Amino acid sequence: MTYISDSRAPRDFKGPGLSDCVKRASDEIAALYAGTVAGTHAELQFAIYPFSEGASVILDVTVTSDGYSASDLKGEGLRFEGKTLEVLIDRVRASFAGHNNAMFRWVIPVSQLPLK
């Protein structure tokens, strides 16, 4: 996990899986901004490139009652679901059948991150 920020940020780290990394990053950012004015306006943005660094399709990730969904930003009707982020990415991989040029974007207002 690599942080890019114009203010303070936690240290970069590596984790065992994508879901674990997202959880840790969310926890660290929530703790960093807890009780601050900046936390009311800040966003945590994930840019996930599981296939390559270039992408012609951008999928917007949201949390659902059953896990996660990803829809294309261009509104072309692409929608994928998965119980975990790993399953979601696997479903996209299977759908694109070897032409994996998608990336995932997930924007979370810091004020919506759960505090431990």
Protein backbone atom coordinates (compact mmCIF):
# COMPACT_ATOMS: atom_id res chain seq x y z
CA MET A 1 0.00 0.00 0.00
CA THR A 2 1.45 3.31 -1.07
CA TYR A 3 0.01 6.55 0.28
CA ILE A 4 -0.03 9.75 -1.74
CA SER A 5 -1.08 12.82 0.19
CA ASP A 6 -0.57 16.55 0.38
CA SER A 7 -0.60 16.28 4.18
CA ARG A 8 0.34 13.69 6.79
CA ALA A 9 -0.02 10.02 5.87
CA PRO A 10 0.79 6.69 7.50
CA ARG A 11 3.85 4.73 6.39
CA ASP A 12 3.59 2.59 3.27
CA PHE A 13 3.22 -1.13 3.91
CA LYS A 14 2.71 -4.54 2.32
CA GLY A 15 -0.03 -6.94 3.34
CA PRO A 16 -1.12 -10.50 2.69
CA GLY A 17 -4.07 -9.56 0.46
CA LEU A 18 -6.04 -6.69 -0.98
CA SER A 19 -8.90 -6.85 1.53
CA ASP A 20 -6.40 -6.86 4.41
CA CYS A 21 -4.53 -3.87 2.95
CA VAL A 22 -7.72 -1.88 2.42
CA LYS A 23 -8.86 -2.61 5.98
CA ARG A 24 -5.52 -1.59 7.46
CA ALA A 25 -5.31 1.59 5.37
CA SER A 26 -8.88 2.53 6.33
CA ASP A 27 -8.14 1.98 10.02
CA GLU A 28 -4.91 3.99 9.86
CA ILE A 29 -6.51 6.93 8.04
CA ALA A 30 -9.53 6.93 10.37
CA ALA A 31 -7.19 7.07 13.38
CA LEU A 32 -5.02 9.78 11.80
CA TYR A 33 -7.98 12.09 11.08
CA ALA A 34 -10.15 11.24 14.13
CA GLY A 35 -11.46 14.40 15.77
CA THR A 36 -9.85 16.76 13.28
CA VAL A 37 -11.49 19.43 11.15
CA ALA A 38 -9.63 18.08 8.12
CA GLY A 39 -11.33 14.72 8.65
CA THR A 40 -14.72 16.23 7.90
CA HIS A 41 -13.66 17.08 4.34
CA ALA A 42 -10.94 14.54 3.55
CA GLU A 43 -11.33 11.47 1.37
CA LEU A 44 -9.54 8.18 1.25
CA GLN A 45 -9.16 7.20 -2.39
CA PHE A 46 -8.01 3.78 -3.51
CA ALA A 47 -6.64 3.33 -7.03
CA ILE A 48 -6.28 -0.40 -7.56
CA TYR A 49 -4.47 -1.69 -10.64
CA PRO A 50 -4.65 -5.50 -10.33
CA PHE A 51 -3.87 -6.23 -13.98
CA SER A 52 -1.46 -3.56 -15.24
CA GLU A 53 -0.60 0.06 -14.68
CA GLY A 54 -2.61 1.22 -17.69
CA ALA A 55 -6.38 1.02 -17.81
CA SER A 56 -9.00 1.99 -20.37
CA VAL A 57 -11.90 0.94 -18.11
CA ILE A 58 -12.36 2.55 -14.69
CA LEU A 59 -14.65 0.69 -12.30
CA ASP A 60 -16.06 2.54 -9.30
CA VAL A 61 -16.20 0.37 -6.16
CA THR A 62 -19.00 0.61 -3.59
CA VAL A 63 -19.87 -1.42 -0.51
CA THR A 64 -23.08 -3.45 -0.73
CA SER A 65 -25.01 -5.51 1.80
CA ASP A 66 -23.37 -8.63 0.32
CA GLY A 67 -19.83 -7.33 -0.15
CA TYR A 68 -18.72 -5.06 -2.99
CA SER A 69 -19.83 -3.94 -6.42
CA ALA A 70 -17.98 -2.21 -9.22
CA SER A 71 -19.58 -0.23 -12.04
CA ASP A 72 -17.95 1.51 -14.97
CA LEU A 73 -17.70 5.28 -14.71
CA LYS A 74 -18.68 5.78 -18.35
CA GLY A 75 -22.13 4.33 -17.71
CA GLU A 76 -21.81 1.56 -20.27
CA GLY A 77 -23.67 -0.90 -18.05
CA LEU A 78 -20.70 -2.87 -16.75
CA ARG A 79 -21.42 -4.08 -13.21
CA PHE A 80 -19.68 -6.72 -11.14
CA GLU A 81 -20.22 -8.02 -7.61
CA GLY A 82 -18.17 -9.99 -5.13
CA LYS A 83 -18.24 -10.95 -1.47
CA THR A 84 -14.62 -9.80 -1.09
CA LEU A 85 -12.45 -7.46 -3.12
CA GLU A 86 -10.48 -10.47 -4.33
CA VAL A 87 -13.66 -12.17 -5.63
CA LEU A 88 -14.74 -8.92 -7.27
CA ILE A 89 -11.43 -8.67 -9.13
CA ASP A 90 -11.61 -12.34 -10.15
CA ARG A 91 -15.07 -11.76 -11.64
CA VAL A 92 -13.78 -8.81 -13.64
CA ARG A 93 -10.80 -10.89 -14.78
CA ALA A 94 -13.12 -13.67 -15.99
CA SER A 95 -15.42 -11.22 -17.77
CA PHE A 96 -12.63 -9.48 -19.66
CA ALA A 97 -11.19 -12.83 -20.83
CA GLY A 98 -7.53 -11.92 -21.12
CA HIS A 99 -8.05 -8.24 -21.96
CA ASN A 100 -7.63 -7.04 -18.42
CA ASN A 101 -7.19 -3.31 -18.80
CA ALA A 102 -9.46 -2.27 -15.95
CA MET A 103 -8.62 -0.43 -12.76
CA PHE A 104 -10.72 0.06 -9.66
CA ARG A 105 -11.41 3.40 -8.01
CA TRP A 106 -12.90 3.64 -4.55
CA VAL A 107 -13.54 6.97 -2.83
CA ILE A 108 -14.52 6.95 0.84
CA PRO A 109 -15.15 10.13 2.85
CA VAL A 110 -12.95 9.93 5.96
CA SER A 111 -15.97 10.87 8.07
CA GLN A 112 -17.56 7.55 7.01
CA LEU A 113 -14.63 5.39 8.09
CA PRO A 114 -15.36 3.39 11.25
CA LEU A 115 -13.22 4.20 14.28
CA LYS A 116 -11.82 1.37 16.34
